[in-house]
Amino acid sequence: MSGKAGEGAAGEEGAQADQEEEEEEEEVVEVRLGDRRFPPVRKKRLIEQSDYFRALYRSGMREAAAGGAGLAVQQLRGGLSEAGLARVLQFIETARLAQEEPPEAGALAELVEAASFLQVTPLLRLLRSRVRLPNCLELHHLAQVYGLPELREACLDFMAGRLHQLLARPEARLPFLLPDALARQLRQRRHRGRPALLLLGSFPDRPPLLRYEEEKRRWEPLPPAEPPADLLQVRGFGWAVLDNYLFVVGGYRPSSQEIAAAHRYNPWLNEWRQLASMNQKRPESEYLGILPHL
């Protein structure tokens, strides 16, 4: 074969490949589950977003049929819920996950089940940024059920950072969501990192919260975490550490006025939070953290 003939053949093959790619980009697929038909999704998006569909189409093992007007039909088998599959297909097509307000019972489980079955990695990755107090325990449970270690770690970090808020929620009393072993694991996770000696007070030209750096042998300011303004002038307060939270309780103001206020510093989130005041004003008191109370 001459060089020109070879170039011509290569050019035709390239043009054919481009044409096939364009046709694939334009092709849409109607996914069906039993008798339920879902809005068509671009085949290109199915291949990009779902490892399941990518393997299905590239292996040639297509459970598909012509649906008329150039529409391909993909029949799914299995026990997936229609609601969960609908949300996953919508995400595949739009790259957006709609929030359900208020979420229906079981909706999160149906979503994770469908995303895991279709192996929609971008959606499972997005869920790691959607962990919140109302859903963290359920998401952690689902991550264990479907073998999603990255989502599980995201849930553990989120829950450890907000342990006391989590323990105050009603669902935390359900043993299958928060067993004793998980509670112990979260407490251990909160103590990860290097221990630090903190100094809280009022200092000229220094922030009110300092940390002692052993290597430098000097006090250094913590990252910005300004204590509440009403705490800055308090003297004679009591303090205690519980679950790696710093509690500052009671004391008196420069005017000798006794106070019953209570505050909590969370080093995981680097934030202060005001708590319910004590029933009695107790300046110059000492406190101990004895699980689960102060």
C-alpha atoms as a PDB file:
ATOM      1  CA  MET A   1       0.000   0.000   0.000  1.00  0.00           C
ATOM      2  CA  SER A   2       1.377   3.415  -0.887  1.00  0.00           C
ATOM      3  CA  GLY A   3       1.868   6.124   1.709  1.00  0.00           C
ATOM      4  CA  LYS A   4      -0.954   8.239   0.325  1.00  0.00           C
ATOM      5  CA  ALA A   5      -3.338   5.298   0.336  1.00  0.00           C
ATOM      6  CA  GLY A   6      -2.441   4.583   3.993  1.00  0.00           C
ATOM      7  CA  GLU A   7      -3.022   8.190   4.922  1.00  0.00           C
ATOM      8  CA  GLY A   8      -6.385   8.106   3.182  1.00  0.00           C
ATOM      9  CA  ALA A   9      -7.448   4.965   5.038  1.00  0.00           C
ATOM     10  CA  ALA A  10      -6.323   6.424   8.358  1.00  0.00           C
ATOM     11  CA  GLY A  11      -8.237   9.597   7.633  1.00  0.00           C
ATOM     12  CA  GLU A  12     -11.401   7.666   6.864  1.00  0.00           C
ATOM     13  CA  GLU A  13     -11.055   5.657  10.085  1.00  0.00           C
ATOM     14  CA  GLY A  14     -10.554   8.851  12.088  1.00  0.00           C
ATOM     15  CA  ALA A  15     -13.572  10.468  10.493  1.00  0.00           C
ATOM     16  CA  GLN A  16     -15.637   7.368  11.197  1.00  0.00           C
ATOM     17  CA  ALA A  17     -14.498   7.363  14.842  1.00  0.00           C
ATOM     18  CA  ASP A  18     -15.413  11.053  15.167  1.00  0.00           C
ATOM     19  CA  GLN A  19     -18.808  10.362  13.648  1.00  0.00           C
ATOM     20  CA  GLU A  20     -19.406   7.460  16.041  1.00  0.00           C
ATOM     21  CA  GLU A  21     -18.378   9.653  18.965  1.00  0.00           C
ATOM     22  CA  GLU A  22     -20.772  12.399  17.875  1.00  0.00           C
ATOM     23  CA  GLU A  23     -23.588   9.875  17.524  1.00  0.00           C
ATOM     24  CA  GLU A  24     -22.812   8.500  20.982  1.00  0.00           C
ATOM     25  CA  GLU A  25     -22.849  12.017  22.448  1.00  0.00           C
ATOM     26  CA  GLU A  26     -26.278  12.671  20.947  1.00  0.00           C
ATOM     27  CA  GLU A  27     -27.735   9.275  21.846  1.00  0.00           C
ATOM     28  CA  VAL A  28     -30.139   9.236  24.759  1.00  0.00           C
ATOM     29  CA  VAL A  29     -31.217   6.272  26.821  1.00  0.00           C
ATOM     30  CA  GLU A  30     -34.504   5.611  28.536  1.00  0.00           C
ATOM     31  CA  VAL A  31     -33.839   3.665  31.716  1.00  0.00           C
ATOM     32  CA  ARG A  32     -36.607   1.370  32.861  1.00  0.00           C
ATOM     33  CA  LEU A  33     -37.139  -0.428  36.147  1.00  0.00           C
ATOM     34  CA  GLY A  34     -39.959  -2.924  35.820  1.00  0.00           C
ATOM     35  CA  ASP A  35     -42.841  -1.005  34.254  1.00  0.00           C
ATOM     36  CA  ARG A  36     -41.516   2.380  35.395  1.00  0.00           C
ATOM     37  CA  ARG A  37     -39.970   4.597  32.714  1.00  0.00           C
ATOM     38  CA  PHE A  38     -37.606   7.399  33.683  1.00  0.00           C
ATOM     39  CA  PRO A  39     -36.815  10.589  31.746  1.00  0.00           C
ATOM     40  CA  PRO A  40     -34.185   9.963  29.033  1.00  0.00           C
ATOM     41  CA  VAL A  41     -30.541  10.481  29.979  1.00  0.00           C
ATOM     42  CA  ARG A  42     -27.676  11.183  27.615  1.00  0.00           C
ATOM     43  CA  LYS A  43     -25.658   8.042  27.036  1.00  0.00           C
ATOM     44  CA  LYS A  44     -22.461  10.061  27.303  1.00  0.00           C
ATOM     45  CA  ARG A  45     -23.428  11.161  30.824  1.00  0.00           C
ATOM     46  CA  LEU A  46     -24.265   7.592  31.846  1.00  0.00           C
ATOM     47  CA  ILE A  47     -20.811   6.444  30.749  1.00  0.00           C
ATOM     48  CA  GLU A  48     -19.048   9.396  32.401  1.00  0.00           C
ATOM     49  CA  GLN A  49     -20.810   9.265  35.755  1.00  0.00           C
ATOM     50  CA  SER A  50     -21.562   5.567  36.310  1.00  0.00           C
ATOM     51  CA  ASP A  51     -18.990   2.769  36.430  1.00  0.00           C
ATOM     52  CA  TYR A  52     -21.896   0.337  36.033  1.00  0.00           C
ATOM     53  CA  PHE A  53     -23.082   1.806  32.724  1.00  0.00           C
ATOM     54  CA  ARG A  54     -19.513   2.354  31.516  1.00  0.00           C
ATOM     55  CA  ALA A  55     -18.695  -1.325  31.963  1.00  0.00           C
ATOM     56  CA  LEU A  56     -22.059  -2.357  30.521  1.00  0.00           C
ATOM     57  CA  TYR A  57     -21.700  -0.408  27.282  1.00  0.00           C
ATOM     58  CA  ARG A  58     -18.010  -1.033  26.710  1.00  0.00           C
ATOM     59  CA  SER A  59     -18.270  -4.783  27.302  1.00  0.00           C
ATOM     60  CA  GLY A  60     -21.073  -5.159  24.771  1.00  0.00           C
ATOM     61  CA  MET A  61     -23.315  -6.874  27.341  1.00  0.00           C
ATOM     62  CA  ARG A  62     -26.225  -4.514  26.761  1.00  0.00           C
ATOM     63  CA  GLU A  63     -29.617  -5.283  28.143  1.00  0.00           C
ATOM     64  CA  ALA A  64     -31.034  -2.692  25.781  1.00  0.00           C
ATOM     65  CA  ALA A  65     -33.580  -2.456  22.998  1.00  0.00           C
ATOM     66  CA  ALA A  66     -34.738   0.149  20.532  1.00  0.00           C
ATOM     67  CA  GLY A  67     -37.429   2.399  21.880  1.00  0.00           C
ATOM     68  CA  GLY A  68     -38.326   4.192  18.669  1.00  0.00           C
ATOM     69  CA  ALA A  69     -37.279   7.604  17.352  1.00  0.00           C
ATOM     70  CA  GLY A  70     -33.610   6.785  17.959  1.00  0.00           C
ATOM     71  CA  LEU A  71     -34.223   6.184  21.659  1.00  0.00           C
ATOM     72  CA  ALA A  72     -32.361   3.308  23.308  1.00  0.00           C
ATOM     73  CA  VAL A  73     -34.005   1.520  26.203  1.00  0.00           C
ATOM     74  CA  GLN A  74     -31.999   0.169  29.135  1.00  0.00           C
ATOM     75  CA  GLN A  75     -33.837  -2.257  31.381  1.00  0.00           C
ATOM     76  CA  LEU A  76     -32.538  -2.585  34.938  1.00  0.00           C
ATOM     77  CA  ARG A  77     -33.140  -5.592  37.117  1.00  0.00           C
ATOM     78  CA  GLY A  78     -32.906  -5.782  40.863  1.00  0.00           C
ATOM     79  CA  GLY A  79     -34.620  -4.469  43.951  1.00  0.00           C
ATOM     80  CA  LEU A  80     -33.834  -0.767  43.545  1.00  0.00           C
ATOM     81  CA  SER A  81     -36.432   1.749  44.659  1.00  0.00           C
ATOM     82  CA  GLU A  82     -37.961   3.943  41.985  1.00  0.00           C
ATOM     83  CA  ALA A  83     -37.492   7.111  44.039  1.00  0.00           C
ATOM     84  CA  GLY A  84     -33.798   6.448  44.682  1.00  0.00           C
ATOM     85  CA  LEU A  85     -33.100   5.559  41.053  1.00  0.00           C
ATOM     86  CA  ALA A  86     -34.933   8.673  39.842  1.00  0.00           C
ATOM     87  CA  ARG A  87     -32.737  10.954  41.976  1.00  0.00           C
ATOM     88  CA  VAL A  88     -29.540   9.198  40.856  1.00  0.00           C
ATOM     89  CA  LEU A  89     -30.478   9.439  37.159  1.00  0.00           C
ATOM     90  CA  GLN A  90     -31.314  13.113  37.639  1.00  0.00           C
ATOM     91  CA  PHE A  91     -27.869  13.650  39.164  1.00  0.00           C
ATOM     92  CA  ILE A  92     -26.204  11.800  36.275  1.00  0.00           C
ATOM     93  CA  GLU A  93     -27.941  14.045  33.753  1.00  0.00           C
ATOM     94  CA  THR A  94     -27.626  17.390  35.578  1.00  0.00           C
ATOM     95  CA  ALA A  95     -24.644  16.887  37.965  1.00  0.00           C
ATOM     96  CA  ARG A  96     -26.862  18.360  40.707  1.00  0.00           C
ATOM     97  CA  LEU A  97     -28.422  16.669  43.712  1.00  0.00           C
ATOM     98  CA  ALA A  98     -31.707  18.225  44.720  1.00  0.00           C
ATOM     99  CA  GLN A  99     -32.319  18.651  48.442  1.00  0.00           C
ATOM    100  CA  GLU A 100     -35.519  17.184  49.817  1.00  0.00           C
ATOM    101  CA  GLU A 101     -37.073  19.485  52.434  1.00  0.00           C
ATOM    102  CA  PRO A 102     -38.184  17.861  54.593  1.00  0.00           C
ATOM    103  CA  PRO A 103     -36.574  14.568  53.573  1.00  0.00           C
ATOM    104  CA  GLU A 104     -38.940  11.621  53.310  1.00  0.00           C
ATOM    105  CA  ALA A 105     -38.368   8.589  55.499  1.00  0.00           C
ATOM    106  CA  GLY A 106     -36.050   6.172  53.747  1.00  0.00           C
ATOM    107  CA  ALA A 107     -35.092   8.629  50.999  1.00  0.00           C
ATOM    108  CA  LEU A 108     -31.424   8.745  51.996  1.00  0.00           C
ATOM    109  CA  ALA A 109     -31.159   4.948  52.143  1.00  0.00           C
ATOM    110  CA  GLU A 110     -32.788   4.631  48.708  1.00  0.00           C
ATOM    111  CA  LEU A 111     -30.409   7.214  47.261  1.00  0.00           C
ATOM    112  CA  VAL A 112     -27.260   5.551  48.620  1.00  0.00           C
ATOM    113  CA  GLU A 113     -28.508   2.121  47.540  1.00  0.00           C
ATOM    114  CA  ALA A 114     -29.056   3.241  43.929  1.00  0.00           C
ATOM    115  CA  ALA A 115     -25.804   5.231  43.775  1.00  0.00           C
ATOM    116  CA  SER A 116     -23.873   2.230  45.095  1.00  0.00           C
ATOM    117  CA  PHE A 117     -25.549  -0.224  42.702  1.00  0.00           C
ATOM    118  CA  LEU A 118     -24.840   1.983  39.672  1.00  0.00           C
ATOM    119  CA  GLN A 119     -21.418   2.927  41.080  1.00  0.00           C
ATOM    120  CA  VAL A 120     -21.953   6.666  40.609  1.00  0.00           C
ATOM    121  CA  THR A 121     -18.695   7.760  42.219  1.00  0.00           C
ATOM    122  CA  PRO A 122     -19.227  11.554  41.780  1.00  0.00           C
ATOM    123  CA  LEU A 123     -22.508  11.326  43.692  1.00  0.00           C
ATOM    124  CA  LEU A 124     -20.999   9.212  46.470  1.00  0.00           C
ATOM    125  CA  ARG A 125     -18.156  11.738  46.686  1.00  0.00           C
ATOM    126  CA  LEU A 126     -20.656  14.605  46.901  1.00  0.00           C
ATOM    127  CA  LEU A 127     -22.407  12.929  49.825  1.00  0.00           C
ATOM    128  CA  ARG A 128     -19.220  13.315  51.874  1.00  0.00           C
ATOM    129  CA  SER A 129     -19.787  17.091  51.788  1.00  0.00           C
ATOM    130  CA  ARG A 130     -23.490  16.716  52.636  1.00  0.00           C
ATOM    131  CA  VAL A 131     -22.941  15.144  56.069  1.00  0.00           C
ATOM    132  CA  ARG A 132     -24.994  17.030  58.667  1.00  0.00           C
ATOM    133  CA  LEU A 133     -26.160  16.404  62.232  1.00  0.00           C
ATOM    134  CA  PRO A 134     -29.620  15.152  61.152  1.00  0.00           C
ATOM    135  CA  ASN A 135     -28.182  12.584  58.716  1.00  0.00           C
ATOM    136  CA  CYS A 136     -24.666  11.704  59.939  1.00  0.00           C
ATOM    137  CA  LEU A 137     -25.629   8.586  61.907  1.00  0.00           C
ATOM    138  CA  GLU A 138     -27.751   7.198  59.081  1.00  0.00           C
ATOM    139  CA  LEU A 139     -25.083   7.975  56.483  1.00  0.00           C
ATOM    140  CA  HIS A 140     -22.466   6.248  58.632  1.00  0.00           C
ATOM    141  CA  HIS A 141     -24.719   3.193  58.912  1.00  0.00           C
ATOM    142  CA  LEU A 142     -25.307   3.151  55.136  1.00  0.00           C
ATOM    143  CA  ALA A 143     -21.589   3.545  54.435  1.00  0.00           C
ATOM    144  CA  GLN A 144     -20.975   0.404  56.469  1.00  0.00           C
ATOM    145  CA  VAL A 145     -23.787  -1.518  54.764  1.00  0.00           C
ATOM    146  CA  TYR A 146     -22.618  -0.694  51.220  1.00  0.00           C
ATOM    147  CA  GLY A 147     -18.869  -0.732  51.856  1.00  0.00           C
ATOM    148  CA  LEU A 148     -18.102   2.970  51.311  1.00  0.00           C
ATOM    149  CA  PRO A 149     -14.946   3.661  53.387  1.00  0.00           C
ATOM    150  CA  GLU A 150     -14.460   7.280  52.252  1.00  0.00           C
ATOM    151  CA  LEU A 151     -18.023   8.199  53.205  1.00  0.00           C
ATOM    152  CA  ARG A 152     -17.633   6.345  56.495  1.00  0.00           C
ATOM    153  CA  GLU A 153     -14.471   8.322  57.362  1.00  0.00           C
ATOM    154  CA  ALA A 154     -16.188  11.600  56.483  1.00  0.00           C
ATOM    155  CA  CYS A 155     -19.043  10.706  58.835  1.00  0.00           C
ATOM    156  CA  LEU A 156     -16.671   9.721  61.638  1.00  0.00           C
ATOM    157  CA  ASP A 157     -14.736  13.000  61.383  1.00  0.00           C
ATOM    158  CA  PHE A 158     -17.944  15.027  61.285  1.00  0.00           C
ATOM    159  CA  MET A 159     -19.437  13.227  64.301  1.00  0.00           C
ATOM    160  CA  ALA A 160     -16.225  13.367  66.323  1.00  0.00           C
ATOM    161  CA  GLY A 161     -16.013  17.116  65.754  1.00  0.00           C
ATOM    162  CA  ARG A 162     -19.562  17.586  67.080  1.00  0.00           C
ATOM    163  CA  LEU A 163     -19.762  14.758  69.593  1.00  0.00           C
ATOM    164  CA  HIS A 164     -21.759  16.484  72.326  1.00  0.00           C
ATOM    165  CA  GLN A 165     -24.242  17.968  69.857  1.00  0.00           C
ATOM    166  CA  LEU A 166     -24.654  14.503  68.370  1.00  0.00           C
ATOM    167  CA  LEU A 167     -25.227  12.835  71.744  1.00  0.00           C
ATOM    168  CA  ALA A 168     -28.029  15.302  72.492  1.00  0.00           C
ATOM    169  CA  ARG A 169     -30.037  14.235  69.426  1.00  0.00           C
ATOM    170  CA  PRO A 170     -32.928  11.731  69.783  1.00  0.00           C
ATOM    171  CA  GLU A 171     -31.568   9.358  67.123  1.00  0.00           C
ATOM    172  CA  ALA A 172     -28.346   8.982  69.127  1.00  0.00           C
ATOM    173  CA  ARG A 173     -30.349   6.883  71.601  1.00  0.00           C
ATOM    174  CA  LEU A 174     -30.944   4.191  68.955  1.00  0.00           C
ATOM    175  CA  PRO A 175     -28.414   1.401  69.643  1.00  0.00           C
ATOM    176  CA  PHE A 176     -28.203   0.305  65.995  1.00  0.00           C
ATOM    177  CA  LEU A 177     -27.219   3.846  64.933  1.00  0.00           C
ATOM    178  CA  LEU A 178     -24.943   4.737  67.849  1.00  0.00           C
ATOM    179  CA  PRO A 179     -23.752   1.561  69.575  1.00  0.00           C
ATOM    180  CA  ASP A 180     -21.404   1.852  72.543  1.00  0.00           C
ATOM    181  CA  ALA A 181     -18.449   0.809  70.370  1.00  0.00           C
ATOM    182  CA  LEU A 182     -19.058   3.713  67.975  1.00  0.00           C
ATOM    183  CA  ALA A 183     -19.390   6.207  70.851  1.00  0.00           C
ATOM    184  CA  ARG A 184     -16.037   5.025  72.219  1.00  0.00           C
ATOM    185  CA  GLN A 185     -14.485   5.298  68.760  1.00  0.00           C
ATOM    186  CA  LEU A 186     -15.684   8.893  68.396  1.00  0.00           C
ATOM    187  CA  ARG A 187     -14.272   9.839  71.802  1.00  0.00           C
ATOM    188  CA  GLN A 188     -10.921   8.313  70.873  1.00  0.00           C
ATOM    189  CA  ARG A 189     -10.921  10.156  67.555  1.00  0.00           C
ATOM    190  CA  ARG A 190     -11.482  13.471  69.337  1.00  0.00           C
ATOM    191  CA  HIS A 191      -8.187  12.944  71.166  1.00  0.00           C
ATOM    192  CA  ARG A 192      -6.138  12.496  68.009  1.00  0.00           C
ATOM    193  CA  GLY A 193      -3.329  14.955  67.523  1.00  0.00           C
ATOM    194  CA  ARG A 194      -0.775  16.554  69.788  1.00  0.00           C
ATOM    195  CA  PRO A 195      -1.792  17.450  73.358  1.00  0.00           C
ATOM    196  CA  ALA A 196      -1.676  21.170  74.082  1.00  0.00           C
ATOM    197  CA  LEU A 197      -1.521  23.411  77.150  1.00  0.00           C
ATOM    198  CA  LEU A 198      -3.916  26.357  76.835  1.00  0.00           C
ATOM    199  CA  LEU A 199      -3.956  29.683  78.639  1.00  0.00           C
ATOM    200  CA  LEU A 200      -7.170  31.697  78.814  1.00  0.00           C
ATOM    201  CA  GLY A 201      -7.176  35.197  80.229  1.00  0.00           C
ATOM    202  CA  SER A 202      -6.820  38.894  79.537  1.00  0.00           C
ATOM    203  CA  PHE A 203      -3.324  39.887  78.382  1.00  0.00           C
ATOM    204  CA  PRO A 204      -2.001  43.230  77.128  1.00  0.00           C
ATOM    205  CA  ASP A 205      -1.379  43.100  73.365  1.00  0.00           C
ATOM    206  CA  ARG A 206      -2.072  39.354  73.238  1.00  0.00           C
ATOM    207  CA  PRO A 207      -5.113  37.331  72.209  1.00  0.00           C
ATOM    208  CA  PRO A 208      -7.131  35.901  75.117  1.00  0.00           C
ATOM    209  CA  LEU A 209      -6.452  32.256  74.180  1.00  0.00           C
ATOM    210  CA  LEU A 210      -2.841  31.030  73.917  1.00  0.00           C
ATOM    211  CA  ARG A 211      -1.170  27.664  73.379  1.00  0.00           C
ATOM    212  CA  TYR A 212       2.241  26.728  74.717  1.00  0.00           C
ATOM    213  CA  GLU A 213       4.676  25.578  72.023  1.00  0.00           C
ATOM    214  CA  GLU A 214       7.188  23.225  73.624  1.00  0.00           C
ATOM    215  CA  GLU A 215       9.721  23.381  70.787  1.00  0.00           C
ATOM    216  CA  LYS A 216       9.755  27.184  70.778  1.00  0.00           C
ATOM    217  CA  ARG A 217       9.275  27.384  74.565  1.00  0.00           C
ATOM    218  CA  ARG A 218       6.830  30.228  74.327  1.00  0.00           C
ATOM    219  CA  TRP A 219       3.125  30.982  74.215  1.00  0.00           C
ATOM    220  CA  GLU A 220       1.583  31.325  70.750  1.00  0.00           C
ATOM    221  CA  PRO A 221      -1.912  32.514  69.849  1.00  0.00           C
ATOM    222  CA  LEU A 222      -4.329  29.902  68.617  1.00  0.00           C
ATOM    223  CA  PRO A 223      -5.905  30.354  65.189  1.00  0.00           C
ATOM    224  CA  PRO A 224      -8.628  33.011  65.405  1.00  0.00           C
ATOM    225  CA  ALA A 225     -11.236  31.797  67.853  1.00  0.00           C
ATOM    226  CA  GLU A 226     -12.271  34.861  69.795  1.00  0.00           C
ATOM    227  CA  PRO A 227     -13.987  33.925  73.081  1.00  0.00           C
ATOM    228  CA  PRO A 228     -17.409  35.490  73.647  1.00  0.00           C
ATOM    229  CA  ALA A 229     -17.183  39.140  74.654  1.00  0.00           C
ATOM    230  CA  ASP A 230     -18.962  38.544  77.966  1.00  0.00           C
ATOM    231  CA  LEU A 231     -16.303  35.981  78.900  1.00  0.00           C
ATOM    232  CA  LEU A 232     -13.285  38.232  78.412  1.00  0.00           C
ATOM    233  CA  GLN A 233     -13.795  40.206  81.639  1.00  0.00           C
ATOM    234  CA  VAL A 234     -14.680  37.233  83.839  1.00  0.00           C
ATOM    235  CA  ARG A 235     -12.426  36.313  86.758  1.00  0.00           C
ATOM    236  CA  GLY A 236     -12.436  33.356  89.125  1.00  0.00           C
ATOM    237  CA  PHE A 237     -14.116  31.004  86.668  1.00  0.00           C
ATOM    238  CA  GLY A 238     -14.007  27.233  86.953  1.00  0.00           C
ATOM    239  CA  TRP A 239     -12.908  25.007  84.113  1.00  0.00           C
ATOM    240  CA  ALA A 240     -12.751  21.359  83.104  1.00  0.00           C
ATOM    241  CA  VAL A 241     -11.906  19.244  80.064  1.00  0.00           C
ATOM    242  CA  LEU A 242     -14.364  16.573  78.937  1.00  0.00           C
ATOM    243  CA  ASP A 243     -14.115  14.659  75.634  1.00  0.00           C
ATOM    244  CA  ASN A 244     -11.468  17.179  74.533  1.00  0.00           C
ATOM    245  CA  TYR A 245     -13.874  20.098  75.022  1.00  0.00           C
ATOM    246  CA  LEU A 246     -12.822  22.962  77.297  1.00  0.00           C
ATOM    247  CA  PHE A 247     -15.618  24.127  79.608  1.00  0.00           C
ATOM    248  CA  VAL A 248     -15.459  27.532  81.317  1.00  0.00           C
ATOM    249  CA  VAL A 249     -18.086  27.953  84.027  1.00  0.00           C
ATOM    250  CA  GLY A 250     -19.148  30.656  86.478  1.00  0.00           C
ATOM    251  CA  GLY A 251     -16.880  33.324  87.932  1.00  0.00           C
ATOM    252  CA  TYR A 252     -17.402  37.008  88.609  1.00  0.00           C
ATOM    253  CA  ARG A 253     -17.028  40.283  86.755  1.00  0.00           C
ATOM    254  CA  PRO A 254     -14.666  43.141  87.746  1.00  0.00           C
ATOM    255  CA  SER A 255     -17.633  44.694  89.569  1.00  0.00           C
ATOM    256  CA  SER A 256     -17.663  41.557  91.804  1.00  0.00           C
ATOM    257  CA  GLN A 257     -20.960  40.487  90.236  1.00  0.00           C
ATOM    258  CA  GLU A 258     -21.187  36.687  90.347  1.00  0.00           C
ATOM    259  CA  ILE A 259     -22.326  34.952  87.172  1.00  0.00           C
ATOM    260  CA  ALA A 260     -23.724  31.525  86.278  1.00  0.00           C
ATOM    261  CA  ALA A 261     -22.786  31.529  82.582  1.00  0.00           C
ATOM    262  CA  ALA A 262     -21.163  28.494  80.938  1.00  0.00           C
ATOM    263  CA  HIS A 263     -19.151  28.328  77.718  1.00  0.00           C
ATOM    264  CA  ARG A 264     -17.534  25.524  75.756  1.00  0.00           C
ATOM    265  CA  TYR A 265     -14.523  25.635  73.423  1.00  0.00           C
ATOM    266  CA  ASN A 266     -14.288  22.979  70.711  1.00  0.00           C
ATOM    267  CA  PRO A 267     -10.719  22.660  69.364  1.00  0.00           C
ATOM    268  CA  TRP A 268     -11.868  20.434  66.497  1.00  0.00           C
ATOM    269  CA  LEU A 269     -13.954  23.241  65.019  1.00  0.00           C
ATOM    270  CA  ASN A 270     -12.034  26.055  66.725  1.00  0.00           C
ATOM    271  CA  GLU A 271     -15.238  27.608  68.009  1.00  0.00           C
ATOM    272  CA  TRP A 272     -16.848  28.807  71.224  1.00  0.00           C
ATOM    273  CA  ARG A 273     -20.447  28.062  72.149  1.00  0.00           C
ATOM    274  CA  GLN A 274     -22.507  29.446  75.024  1.00  0.00           C
ATOM    275  CA  LEU A 275     -24.312  26.762  77.027  1.00  0.00           C
ATOM    276  CA  ALA A 276     -27.254  26.849  79.393  1.00  0.00           C
ATOM    277  CA  SER A 277     -26.371  28.720  82.577  1.00  0.00           C
ATOM    278  CA  MET A 278     -26.029  26.960  85.915  1.00  0.00           C
ATOM    279  CA  ASN A 279     -28.880  27.041  88.390  1.00  0.00           C
ATOM    280  CA  GLN A 280     -26.580  28.617  90.990  1.00  0.00           C
ATOM    281  CA  LYS A 281     -23.783  31.160  90.672  1.00  0.00           C
ATOM    282  CA  ARG A 282     -20.514  29.506  91.676  1.00  0.00           C
ATOM    283  CA  PRO A 283     -17.350  31.613  91.451  1.00  0.00           C
ATOM    284  CA  GLU A 284     -13.976  30.102  92.360  1.00  0.00           C
ATOM    285  CA  SER A 285     -15.299  26.559  91.883  1.00  0.00           C
ATOM    286  CA  GLU A 286     -13.558  23.472  90.549  1.00  0.00           C
ATOM    287  CA  TYR A 287     -15.093  21.022  88.081  1.00  0.00           C
ATOM    288  CA  LEU A 288     -14.394  17.511  86.877  1.00  0.00           C
ATOM    289  CA  GLY A 289     -15.479  15.832  83.684  1.00  0.00           C
ATOM    290  CA  ILE A 290     -17.043  12.452  84.513  1.00  0.00           C
ATOM    291  CA  LEU A 291     -18.700  10.824  81.505  1.00  0.00           C
ATOM    292  CA  PRO A 292     -21.144  11.919  80.351  1.00  0.00           C
ATOM    293  CA  HIS A 293     -21.518  14.912  82.670  1.00  0.00           C
ATOM    294  CA  LEU A 294     -19.534  17.876  83.955  1.00  0.00           C
END
